[in-house]
Amino acid sequence: MEQRKDPRVVLEQTYDRKLDKLYTSSVKCPYCRKRIQKLQTNCSQCGLHKIQIARASNKRAKEMMKTGERGKIVKMRRRPSDVKLSSLCLMLIFGMFGAHHFYTGRKVWGWVFFGCMIGFIVLSIAFPLGDLNNDLEGMHPIWEASNEWGMPAPHAFLGVFCFVMWVYDIFGIVFGWYKYPVRLGEATAVNK
């Protein structure tokens, strides 16, 4: 007669370190935003299993976005395992152009960053600021008026916006408030 294994032992053998860490920490549910406490396996409100959070995939979410199936995509602050930290840091080098947003599948924000930076560069070339210590004569009338009022050139706001949001995203990735679009994994049957 075949001896039946304890399901907890089988479950422990299949877990990796990342999943063990997930079970021993509290996690915010990406669906209902309720906190799943330490050593709990399911969300008490919606029933989401922690295994589904551990198996979340950014790659599958990007594939679903291409096909138009956005209903099963959620945003999660925990970085999924298929978003490599080294690649994300490399994309952050070009973050003022929105490269990190394109990498994680947040294309709307990626295009906002890209458009603002291209607009800033084009306007800076077309309407240079000139040397502010020199006379204001010969400058574009918009810049003359903005300098009279003590304001920076209008296109400077595009560059400042991109820089501030880029720094915000860097801190968000480091401290865990950057939201990754993911498709949650499937939960296996777990006996309690």
N, C-alpha and C. Protein backbone atom coordinates (compact mmCIF):
# COMPACT_ATOMS: atom_id res chain seq x y z
N MET A 1 0.83 -1.17 0.00
CA MET A 1 0.00 0.00 0.00
C MET A 1 0.89 1.25 0.00
N GLU A 2 0.51 2.18 -0.87
CA GLU A 2 1.30 3.40 -1.02
C GLU A 2 1.05 4.33 0.15
N GLN A 3 2.15 4.79 0.74
CA GLN A 3 2.03 5.69 1.88
C GLN A 3 1.77 7.11 1.38
N ARG A 4 0.80 7.75 1.98
CA ARG A 4 0.42 9.10 1.57
C ARG A 4 1.31 10.13 2.26
N LYS A 5 1.83 11.07 1.48
CA LYS A 5 2.72 12.09 2.04
C LYS A 5 1.89 13.23 2.61
N ASP A 6 2.45 13.83 3.63
CA ASP A 6 1.83 15.02 4.21
C ASP A 6 1.89 16.15 3.18
N PRO A 7 0.75 16.79 2.82
CA PRO A 7 0.78 17.84 1.78
C PRO A 7 1.66 19.03 2.15
N ARG A 8 1.81 19.30 3.45
CA ARG A 8 2.67 20.42 3.84
C ARG A 8 4.14 20.13 3.52
N VAL A 9 4.56 18.87 3.67
CA VAL A 9 5.94 18.50 3.37
C VAL A 9 6.18 18.62 1.86
N VAL A 10 5.22 18.14 1.06
CA VAL A 10 5.35 18.23 -0.40
C VAL A 10 5.40 19.69 -0.82
N LEU A 11 4.57 20.51 -0.19
CA LEU A 11 4.52 21.92 -0.53
C LEU A 11 5.84 22.61 -0.17
N GLU A 12 6.40 22.26 0.99
CA GLU A 12 7.66 22.87 1.41
C GLU A 12 8.81 22.47 0.49
N GLN A 13 8.77 21.25 -0.06
CA GLN A 13 9.83 20.80 -0.94
C GLN A 13 9.81 21.54 -2.27
N THR A 14 8.63 21.97 -2.70
CA THR A 14 8.54 22.64 -4.01
C THR A 14 8.79 24.14 -3.92
N TYR A 15 8.82 24.70 -2.74
CA TYR A 15 8.99 26.15 -2.61
C TYR A 15 10.44 26.55 -2.75
N ASP A 16 10.62 27.73 -3.32
CA ASP A 16 11.94 28.31 -3.35
C ASP A 16 12.06 29.36 -2.24
N ARG A 17 13.24 29.96 -2.12
CA ARG A 17 13.46 30.93 -1.06
C ARG A 17 12.53 32.13 -1.17
N LYS A 18 12.30 32.60 -2.40
CA LYS A 18 11.46 33.78 -2.60
C LYS A 18 10.02 33.52 -2.13
N LEU A 19 9.53 32.31 -2.40
CA LEU A 19 8.18 31.97 -1.97
C LEU A 19 8.11 31.78 -0.46
N ASP A 20 9.14 31.21 0.13
CA ASP A 20 9.19 31.09 1.59
C ASP A 20 9.19 32.46 2.25
N LYS A 21 9.93 33.39 1.66
CA LYS A 21 9.97 34.76 2.19
C LYS A 21 8.59 35.41 2.09
N LEU A 22 7.87 35.11 1.01
CA LEU A 22 6.53 35.66 0.83
C LEU A 22 5.58 35.15 1.91
N TYR A 23 5.71 33.88 2.29
CA TYR A 23 4.84 33.32 3.32
C TYR A 23 5.15 33.87 4.71
N THR A 24 6.39 34.24 4.92
CA THR A 24 6.74 34.75 6.26
C THR A 24 6.70 36.26 6.33
N SER A 25 6.05 36.90 5.37
CA SER A 25 5.88 38.35 5.42
C SER A 25 4.44 38.70 5.09
N SER A 26 4.03 39.90 5.48
CA SER A 26 2.68 40.34 5.13
C SER A 26 2.73 41.01 3.77
N VAL A 27 1.68 40.81 2.99
CA VAL A 27 1.62 41.29 1.60
C VAL A 27 0.29 41.97 1.39
N LYS A 28 0.29 43.03 0.59
CA LYS A 28 -0.97 43.68 0.23
C LYS A 28 -1.56 42.97 -0.97
N CYS A 29 -2.84 42.60 -0.89
CA CYS A 29 -3.52 41.91 -1.97
C CYS A 29 -3.67 42.86 -3.16
N PRO A 30 -3.25 42.45 -4.37
CA PRO A 30 -3.37 43.35 -5.52
C PRO A 30 -4.81 43.57 -5.98
N TYR A 31 -5.73 42.69 -5.60
CA TYR A 31 -7.13 42.85 -6.00
C TYR A 31 -7.91 43.78 -5.06
N CYS A 32 -7.95 43.41 -3.78
CA CYS A 32 -8.82 44.15 -2.85
C CYS A 32 -8.04 45.08 -1.93
N ARG A 33 -6.71 45.09 -2.02
CA ARG A 33 -5.83 45.96 -1.24
C ARG A 33 -5.84 45.66 0.26
N LYS A 34 -6.41 44.53 0.66
CA LYS A 34 -6.38 44.13 2.07
C LYS A 34 -5.05 43.43 2.34
N ARG A 35 -4.52 43.60 3.53
CA ARG A 35 -3.23 43.02 3.87
C ARG A 35 -3.40 41.54 4.23
N ILE A 36 -2.57 40.69 3.58
CA ILE A 36 -2.51 39.27 3.91
C ILE A 36 -1.39 39.11 4.93
N GLN A 37 -1.73 38.71 6.12
CA GLN A 37 -0.78 38.69 7.23
C GLN A 37 0.25 37.57 7.10
N LYS A 38 1.27 37.62 7.95
CA LYS A 38 2.32 36.59 7.98
C LYS A 38 1.69 35.23 8.23
N LEU A 39 2.23 34.24 7.57
CA LEU A 39 1.83 32.83 7.69
C LEU A 39 0.39 32.55 7.25
N GLN A 40 -0.31 33.53 6.73
CA GLN A 40 -1.60 33.28 6.11
C GLN A 40 -1.35 32.90 4.67
N THR A 41 -2.17 32.00 4.15
CA THR A 41 -1.98 31.59 2.76
C THR A 41 -2.93 32.32 1.82
N ASN A 42 -4.12 32.69 2.31
CA ASN A 42 -5.12 33.33 1.44
C ASN A 42 -5.49 34.70 1.97
N CYS A 43 -5.96 35.54 1.05
CA CYS A 43 -6.54 36.83 1.44
C CYS A 43 -7.90 36.54 2.08
N SER A 44 -8.16 37.12 3.23
CA SER A 44 -9.41 36.84 3.94
C SER A 44 -10.62 37.47 3.26
N GLN A 45 -10.40 38.45 2.40
CA GLN A 45 -11.53 39.11 1.74
C GLN A 45 -11.86 38.50 0.38
N CYS A 46 -10.85 38.34 -0.50
CA CYS A 46 -11.16 37.87 -1.85
C CYS A 46 -10.67 36.45 -2.12
N GLY A 47 -9.89 35.86 -1.21
CA GLY A 47 -9.46 34.48 -1.37
C GLY A 47 -8.21 34.28 -2.21
N LEU A 48 -7.56 35.35 -2.62
CA LEU A 48 -6.35 35.24 -3.43
C LEU A 48 -5.26 34.52 -2.64
N HIS A 49 -4.60 33.57 -3.27
CA HIS A 49 -3.56 32.77 -2.63
C HIS A 49 -2.20 33.44 -2.82
N LYS A 50 -1.34 33.34 -1.83
CA LYS A 50 -0.01 33.94 -1.93
C LYS A 50 0.82 33.32 -3.04
N ILE A 51 0.54 32.07 -3.40
CA ILE A 51 1.25 31.44 -4.50
C ILE A 51 0.99 32.21 -5.79
N GLN A 52 -0.23 32.71 -5.96
CA GLN A 52 -0.56 33.47 -7.16
C GLN A 52 0.28 34.76 -7.24
N ILE A 53 0.53 35.37 -6.10
CA ILE A 53 1.37 36.58 -6.07
C ILE A 53 2.81 36.21 -6.40
N ALA A 54 3.28 35.08 -5.87
CA ALA A 54 4.66 34.65 -6.13
C ALA A 54 4.87 34.27 -7.59
N ARG A 55 3.82 33.75 -8.23
CA ARG A 55 3.92 33.33 -9.63
C ARG A 55 3.47 34.41 -10.60
N ALA A 56 3.32 35.64 -10.14
CA ALA A 56 2.89 36.74 -11.01
C ALA A 56 3.94 36.97 -12.09
N SER A 57 3.45 37.26 -13.29
CA SER A 57 4.35 37.40 -14.43
C SER A 57 4.09 38.70 -15.17
N ASN A 58 5.14 39.50 -15.29
CA ASN A 58 5.07 40.73 -16.07
C ASN A 58 5.10 40.41 -17.56
N LYS A 59 5.81 39.36 -17.94
CA LYS A 59 5.90 38.97 -19.34
C LYS A 59 4.52 38.56 -19.88
N ARG A 60 3.78 37.76 -19.12
CA ARG A 60 2.44 37.37 -19.56
C ARG A 60 1.51 38.57 -19.62
N ALA A 61 1.68 39.52 -18.71
CA ALA A 61 0.85 40.73 -18.73
C ALA A 61 1.11 41.53 -20.00
N LYS A 62 2.38 41.65 -20.41
CA LYS A 62 2.69 42.38 -21.64
C LYS A 62 2.12 41.67 -22.86
N GLU A 63 2.15 40.33 -22.85
CA GLU A 63 1.55 39.58 -23.96
C GLU A 63 0.05 39.79 -24.02
N MET A 64 -0.60 39.83 -22.85
CA MET A 64 -2.05 40.05 -22.80
C MET A 64 -2.40 41.47 -23.24
N MET A 65 -1.54 42.43 -22.95
CA MET A 65 -1.80 43.80 -23.40
C MET A 65 -1.78 43.89 -24.92
N LYS A 66 -0.90 43.12 -25.56
CA LYS A 66 -0.83 43.12 -27.02
C LYS A 66 -2.10 42.56 -27.64
N THR A 67 -2.68 41.55 -26.99
CA THR A 67 -3.90 40.94 -27.53
C THR A 67 -5.16 41.66 -27.09
N GLY A 68 -5.04 42.61 -26.18
CA GLY A 68 -6.20 43.39 -25.74
C GLY A 68 -6.93 42.80 -24.55
N GLU A 69 -6.40 41.76 -23.90
CA GLU A 69 -7.03 41.16 -22.73
C GLU A 69 -6.53 41.85 -21.47
N ARG A 70 -7.07 42.99 -21.14
CA ARG A 70 -6.59 43.75 -19.99
C ARG A 70 -7.35 43.43 -18.71
N GLY A 71 -8.38 42.64 -18.78
CA GLY A 71 -9.21 42.37 -17.61
C GLY A 71 -8.53 41.63 -16.49
N LYS A 72 -7.57 40.77 -16.82
CA LYS A 72 -6.92 39.95 -15.79
C LYS A 72 -5.56 40.48 -15.37
N ILE A 73 -5.25 41.70 -15.78
CA ILE A 73 -3.97 42.32 -15.43
C ILE A 73 -4.18 43.22 -14.21
N VAL A 74 -3.34 43.05 -13.22
CA VAL A 74 -3.40 43.91 -12.04
C VAL A 74 -2.04 44.58 -11.88
N LYS A 75 -2.01 45.64 -11.08
CA LYS A 75 -0.74 46.32 -10.79
C LYS A 75 -0.33 45.94 -9.37
N MET A 76 0.94 45.57 -9.26
CA MET A 76 1.44 45.06 -7.99
C MET A 76 2.75 45.75 -7.67
N ARG A 77 2.97 46.05 -6.41
CA ARG A 77 4.20 46.73 -6.00
C ARG A 77 5.37 45.77 -5.83
N ARG A 78 5.09 44.52 -5.65
CA ARG A 78 6.17 43.53 -5.51
C ARG A 78 6.71 43.24 -6.91
N ARG A 79 8.04 43.35 -7.06
CA ARG A 79 8.65 43.12 -8.37
C ARG A 79 8.54 41.65 -8.74
N PRO A 80 7.91 41.34 -9.90
CA PRO A 80 7.79 39.94 -10.31
C PRO A 80 9.15 39.36 -10.67
N SER A 81 9.25 38.04 -10.61
CA SER A 81 10.55 37.38 -10.82
C SER A 81 11.04 37.51 -12.26
N ASP A 82 10.14 37.73 -13.23
CA ASP A 82 10.61 37.84 -14.61
C ASP A 82 11.03 39.27 -14.99
N VAL A 83 10.95 40.21 -14.06
CA VAL A 83 11.53 41.54 -14.26
C VAL A 83 12.88 41.53 -13.56
N LYS A 84 13.93 41.39 -14.35
CA LYS A 84 15.28 41.29 -13.79
C LYS A 84 15.74 42.66 -13.29
N LEU A 85 16.27 42.69 -12.09
CA LEU A 85 16.71 43.95 -11.49
C LEU A 85 17.85 44.58 -12.28
N SER A 86 18.74 43.76 -12.82
CA SER A 86 19.85 44.31 -13.60
C SER A 86 19.35 44.98 -14.87
N SER A 87 18.38 44.37 -15.55
CA SER A 87 17.82 44.98 -16.76
C SER A 87 17.04 46.25 -16.42
N LEU A 88 16.32 46.21 -15.31
CA LEU A 88 15.55 47.38 -14.89
C LEU A 88 16.49 48.55 -14.57
N CYS A 89 17.61 48.27 -13.90
CA CYS A 89 18.58 49.33 -13.59
C CYS A 89 19.21 49.87 -14.87
N LEU A 90 19.46 49.00 -15.85
CA LEU A 90 19.99 49.46 -17.12
C LEU A 90 18.99 50.36 -17.83
N MET A 91 17.71 50.01 -17.76
CA MET A 91 16.67 50.84 -18.37
C MET A 91 16.52 52.18 -17.64
N LEU A 92 16.82 52.20 -16.35
CA LEU A 92 16.71 53.45 -15.59
C LEU A 92 17.76 54.47 -16.01
N ILE A 93 18.85 54.00 -16.63
CA ILE A 93 19.84 54.95 -17.14
C ILE A 93 19.19 55.86 -18.17
N PHE A 94 18.32 55.27 -19.00
CA PHE A 94 17.58 56.04 -20.00
C PHE A 94 16.16 56.34 -19.51
N GLY A 95 16.01 56.45 -18.21
CA GLY A 95 14.70 56.62 -17.60
C GLY A 95 14.02 57.93 -17.93
N MET A 96 14.78 58.98 -18.22
CA MET A 96 14.13 60.25 -18.55
C MET A 96 13.44 60.17 -19.90
N PHE A 97 13.77 59.15 -20.70
CA PHE A 97 13.07 58.90 -21.97
C PHE A 97 11.98 57.84 -21.79
N GLY A 98 11.78 57.35 -20.58
CA GLY A 98 10.72 56.38 -20.31
C GLY A 98 11.08 54.94 -20.58
N ALA A 99 12.36 54.62 -20.70
CA ALA A 99 12.77 53.26 -21.06
C ALA A 99 12.32 52.24 -20.02
N HIS A 100 12.36 52.59 -18.74
CA HIS A 100 11.95 51.64 -17.70
C HIS A 100 10.45 51.37 -17.76
N HIS A 101 9.66 52.36 -18.18
CA HIS A 101 8.22 52.13 -18.32
C HIS A 101 7.93 51.22 -19.50
N PHE A 102 8.65 51.40 -20.61
CA PHE A 102 8.46 50.50 -21.75
C PHE A 102 8.88 49.08 -21.39
N TYR A 103 9.95 48.94 -20.61
CA TYR A 103 10.43 47.62 -20.21
C TYR A 103 9.41 46.88 -19.34
N THR A 104 8.76 47.60 -18.44
CA THR A 104 7.80 46.94 -17.55
C THR A 104 6.39 46.88 -18.12
N GLY A 105 6.17 47.45 -19.30
CA GLY A 105 4.85 47.36 -19.92
C GLY A 105 3.92 48.52 -19.63
N ARG A 106 4.42 49.56 -18.99
CA ARG A 106 3.61 50.75 -18.72
C ARG A 106 3.82 51.74 -19.86
N LYS A 107 3.25 51.41 -21.02
CA LYS A 107 3.55 52.16 -22.24
C LYS A 107 3.00 53.57 -22.24
N VAL A 108 1.87 53.81 -21.60
CA VAL A 108 1.31 55.17 -21.58
C VAL A 108 2.29 56.11 -20.90
N TRP A 109 2.79 55.71 -19.72
CA TRP A 109 3.77 56.55 -19.03
C TRP A 109 5.07 56.63 -19.82
N GLY A 110 5.44 55.55 -20.50
CA GLY A 110 6.63 55.59 -21.33
C GLY A 110 6.52 56.63 -22.44
N TRP A 111 5.36 56.69 -23.09
CA TRP A 111 5.17 57.68 -24.16
C TRP A 111 5.09 59.10 -23.60
N VAL A 112 4.55 59.27 -22.39
CA VAL A 112 4.52 60.60 -21.76
C VAL A 112 5.95 61.08 -21.51
N PHE A 113 6.77 60.23 -20.92
CA PHE A 113 8.17 60.59 -20.67
C PHE A 113 8.89 60.89 -21.98
N PHE A 114 8.73 60.01 -22.97
CA PHE A 114 9.42 60.16 -24.24
C PHE A 114 9.01 61.46 -24.93
N GLY A 115 7.71 61.72 -24.97
CA GLY A 115 7.21 62.95 -25.61
C GLY A 115 7.70 64.21 -24.92
N CYS A 116 7.68 64.20 -23.59
CA CYS A 116 8.15 65.38 -22.84
C CYS A 116 9.64 65.63 -23.08
N MET A 117 10.45 64.56 -23.08
CA MET A 117 11.89 64.75 -23.28
C MET A 117 12.20 65.19 -24.71
N ILE A 118 11.52 64.60 -25.69
CA ILE A 118 11.76 65.01 -27.08
C ILE A 118 11.31 66.47 -27.26
N GLY A 119 10.16 66.82 -26.67
CA GLY A 119 9.70 68.21 -26.73
C GLY A 119 10.68 69.16 -26.07
N PHE A 120 11.22 68.78 -24.94
CA PHE A 120 12.20 69.61 -24.25
C PHE A 120 13.45 69.80 -25.11
N ILE A 121 13.95 68.72 -25.71
CA ILE A 121 15.17 68.80 -26.52
C ILE A 121 14.93 69.66 -27.76
N VAL A 122 13.81 69.42 -28.45
CA VAL A 122 13.51 70.18 -29.68
C VAL A 122 13.33 71.66 -29.36
N LEU A 123 12.59 71.97 -28.32
CA LEU A 123 12.37 73.38 -27.96
C LEU A 123 13.65 74.04 -27.45
N SER A 124 14.51 73.27 -26.80
CA SER A 124 15.78 73.85 -26.35
C SER A 124 16.68 74.19 -27.52
N ILE A 125 16.62 73.37 -28.57
CA ILE A 125 17.42 73.65 -29.76
C ILE A 125 16.80 74.81 -30.54
N ALA A 126 15.48 74.81 -30.68
CA ALA A 126 14.81 75.85 -31.48
C ALA A 126 14.85 77.21 -30.79
N PHE A 127 14.68 77.23 -29.49
CA PHE A 127 14.64 78.49 -28.74
C PHE A 127 15.65 78.44 -27.61
N PRO A 128 16.94 78.63 -27.92
CA PRO A 128 17.93 78.55 -26.84
C PRO A 128 17.74 79.68 -25.84
N LEU A 129 18.11 79.37 -24.63
CA LEU A 129 17.93 80.35 -23.56
C LEU A 129 18.90 81.51 -23.65
N GLY A 130 20.07 81.29 -24.13
CA GLY A 130 21.07 82.36 -24.15
C GLY A 130 21.70 82.49 -22.78
N ASP A 131 22.65 83.42 -22.69
CA ASP A 131 23.35 83.67 -21.44
C ASP A 131 22.53 84.67 -20.63
N LEU A 132 22.06 84.25 -19.47
CA LEU A 132 21.19 85.11 -18.67
C LEU A 132 21.95 86.29 -18.09
N ASN A 133 23.28 86.22 -18.03
CA ASN A 133 24.05 87.36 -17.52
C ASN A 133 24.14 88.48 -18.55
N ASN A 134 23.98 88.15 -19.83
CA ASN A 134 24.06 89.15 -20.88
C ASN A 134 22.73 89.89 -20.99
N ASP A 135 22.71 90.86 -21.86
CA ASP A 135 21.51 91.64 -22.13
C ASP A 135 20.42 90.72 -22.67
N LEU A 136 19.16 90.99 -22.40
CA LEU A 136 18.06 90.16 -22.86
C LEU A 136 17.67 90.47 -24.30
N GLU A 137 18.31 91.44 -24.92
CA GLU A 137 17.96 91.76 -26.30
C GLU A 137 18.35 90.61 -27.21
N GLY A 138 17.54 90.39 -28.20
CA GLY A 138 17.80 89.34 -29.18
C GLY A 138 17.23 88.00 -28.77
N MET A 139 16.72 87.89 -27.57
CA MET A 139 16.10 86.64 -27.16
C MET A 139 14.68 86.58 -27.72
N HIS A 140 14.14 85.39 -27.74
CA HIS A 140 12.76 85.22 -28.20
C HIS A 140 11.83 85.98 -27.26
N PRO A 141 10.73 86.60 -27.78
CA PRO A 141 9.84 87.39 -26.92
C PRO A 141 9.24 86.60 -25.75
N ILE A 142 9.00 85.32 -25.96
CA ILE A 142 8.45 84.51 -24.86
C ILE A 142 9.46 84.45 -23.72
N TRP A 143 10.75 84.26 -24.06
CA TRP A 143 11.77 84.16 -23.02
C TRP A 143 11.97 85.51 -22.33
N GLU A 144 11.89 86.61 -23.12
CA GLU A 144 12.01 87.93 -22.52
C GLU A 144 10.92 88.15 -21.48
N ALA A 145 9.69 87.80 -21.85
CA ALA A 145 8.56 87.98 -20.92
C ALA A 145 8.71 87.08 -19.70
N SER A 146 9.13 85.84 -19.92
CA SER A 146 9.27 84.94 -18.77
C SER A 146 10.39 85.39 -17.85
N ASN A 147 11.45 85.96 -18.42
CA ASN A 147 12.53 86.47 -17.58
C ASN A 147 12.12 87.73 -16.82
N GLU A 148 11.25 88.55 -17.42
CA GLU A 148 10.73 89.73 -16.71
C GLU A 148 9.93 89.31 -15.48
N TRP A 149 9.20 88.24 -15.61
CA TRP A 149 8.37 87.78 -14.49
C TRP A 149 9.15 86.89 -13.53
N GLY A 150 10.40 86.63 -13.83
CA GLY A 150 11.22 85.79 -12.96
C GLY A 150 10.93 84.31 -13.12
N MET A 151 10.31 83.93 -14.23
CA MET A 151 9.98 82.53 -14.47
C MET A 151 11.02 81.90 -15.40
N PRO A 152 11.21 80.60 -15.30
CA PRO A 152 12.10 79.94 -16.27
C PRO A 152 11.42 79.86 -17.62
N ALA A 153 12.16 79.49 -18.62
CA ALA A 153 11.61 79.33 -19.97
C ALA A 153 10.51 78.26 -19.93
N PRO A 154 9.45 78.43 -20.70
CA PRO A 154 8.33 77.48 -20.65
C PRO A 154 8.72 76.03 -20.92
N HIS A 155 9.65 75.79 -21.82
CA HIS A 155 9.99 74.40 -22.10
C HIS A 155 10.83 73.77 -20.99
N ALA A 156 11.34 74.58 -20.09
CA ALA A 156 12.10 74.02 -18.97
C ALA A 156 11.22 73.15 -18.08
N PHE A 157 9.92 73.45 -18.06
CA PHE A 157 9.01 72.64 -17.24
C PHE A 157 8.94 71.20 -17.73
N LEU A 158 9.08 70.99 -19.05
CA LEU A 158 9.08 69.61 -19.57
C LEU A 158 10.28 68.84 -19.04
N GLY A 159 11.45 69.46 -19.09
CA GLY A 159 12.65 68.81 -18.58
C GLY A 159 12.59 68.56 -17.09
N VAL A 160 12.09 69.55 -16.35
CA VAL A 160 11.97 69.39 -14.89
C VAL A 160 10.97 68.29 -14.56
N PHE A 161 9.85 68.23 -15.28
CA PHE A 161 8.85 67.18 -15.05
C PHE A 161 9.48 65.80 -15.25
N CYS A 162 10.20 65.61 -16.36
CA CYS A 162 10.81 64.31 -16.62
C CYS A 162 11.85 63.96 -15.57
N PHE A 163 12.65 64.93 -15.17
CA PHE A 163 13.69 64.66 -14.17
C PHE A 163 13.07 64.29 -12.82
N VAL A 164 12.07 65.05 -12.38
CA VAL A 164 11.44 64.77 -11.08
C VAL A 164 10.75 63.41 -11.09
N MET A 165 10.02 63.10 -12.18
CA MET A 165 9.33 61.81 -12.25
C MET A 165 10.31 60.66 -12.37
N TRP A 166 11.44 60.88 -13.03
CA TRP A 166 12.48 59.86 -13.13
C TRP A 166 13.06 59.56 -11.76
N VAL A 167 13.37 60.59 -10.99
CA VAL A 167 13.89 60.39 -9.63
C VAL A 167 12.83 59.71 -8.75
N TYR A 168 11.56 60.11 -8.92
CA TYR A 168 10.47 59.47 -8.17
C TYR A 168 10.40 57.98 -8.49
N ASP A 169 10.54 57.62 -9.76
CA ASP A 169 10.50 56.21 -10.14
C ASP A 169 11.70 55.44 -9.60
N ILE A 170 12.87 56.07 -9.57
CA ILE A 170 14.05 55.40 -9.01
C ILE A 170 13.80 55.08 -7.53
N PHE A 171 13.31 56.07 -6.80
CA PHE A 171 13.00 55.82 -5.38
C PHE A 171 11.87 54.81 -5.25
N GLY A 172 10.90 54.84 -6.16
CA GLY A 172 9.80 53.89 -6.13
C GLY A 172 10.26 52.46 -6.32
N ILE A 173 11.21 52.26 -7.22
CA ILE A 173 11.74 50.91 -7.45
C ILE A 173 12.57 50.46 -6.25
N VAL A 174 13.37 51.37 -5.69
CA VAL A 174 14.21 51.01 -4.54
C VAL A 174 13.38 50.73 -3.30
N PHE A 175 12.37 51.58 -3.02
CA PHE A 175 11.60 51.45 -1.78
C PHE A 175 10.27 50.71 -1.95
N GLY A 176 9.95 50.27 -3.17
CA GLY A 176 8.82 49.37 -3.37
C GLY A 176 7.46 50.01 -3.58
N TRP A 177 7.38 51.21 -4.12
CA TRP A 177 6.05 51.75 -4.42
C TRP A 177 5.80 51.85 -5.92
N TYR A 178 6.76 51.45 -6.74
CA TYR A 178 6.57 51.41 -8.19
C TYR A 178 5.65 50.23 -8.51
N LYS A 179 4.65 50.45 -9.34
CA LYS A 179 3.66 49.40 -9.62
C LYS A 179 3.94 48.74 -10.97
N TYR A 180 4.08 47.41 -10.93
CA TYR A 180 4.33 46.61 -12.11
C TYR A 180 3.02 45.99 -12.59
N PRO A 181 2.70 46.10 -13.88
CA PRO A 181 1.52 45.37 -14.36
C PRO A 181 1.86 43.88 -14.46
N VAL A 182 1.02 43.03 -13.86
CA VAL A 182 1.30 41.59 -13.84
C VAL A 182 0.03 40.80 -14.12
N ARG A 183 0.24 39.57 -14.56
CA ARG A 183 -0.82 38.58 -14.63
C ARG A 183 -0.52 37.60 -13.53
N LEU A 184 -1.45 37.48 -12.58
CA LEU A 184 -1.21 36.60 -11.43
C LEU A 184 -1.17 35.15 -11.88
N GLY A 185 -0.37 34.36 -11.17
CA GLY A 185 -0.24 32.94 -11.49
C GLY A 185 -1.44 32.14 -11.02
N GLU A 186 -1.44 30.89 -11.40
CA GLU A 186 -2.52 29.99 -10.99
C GLU A 186 -2.19 29.41 -9.61
N ALA A 187 -3.22 29.25 -8.80
CA ALA A 187 -3.03 28.66 -7.48
C ALA A 187 -3.22 27.15 -7.58
N THR A 188 -2.35 26.41 -6.93
CA THR A 188 -2.51 24.96 -6.88
C THR A 188 -3.34 24.63 -5.67
N ALA A 189 -3.92 23.46 -5.66
CA ALA A 189 -4.75 23.04 -4.53
C ALA A 189 -3.85 22.79 -3.33
N VAL A 190 -4.15 23.45 -2.27
CA VAL A 190 -3.36 23.31 -1.05
C VAL A 190 -4.28 22.86 0.07
N ASN A 191 -3.96 21.75 0.67
CA ASN A 191 -4.76 21.25 1.80
C ASN A 191 -4.31 21.92 3.07
N LYS A 192 -5.28 22.36 3.84
CA LYS A 192 -4.92 23.03 5.11
C LYS A 192 -4.91 22.03 6.24
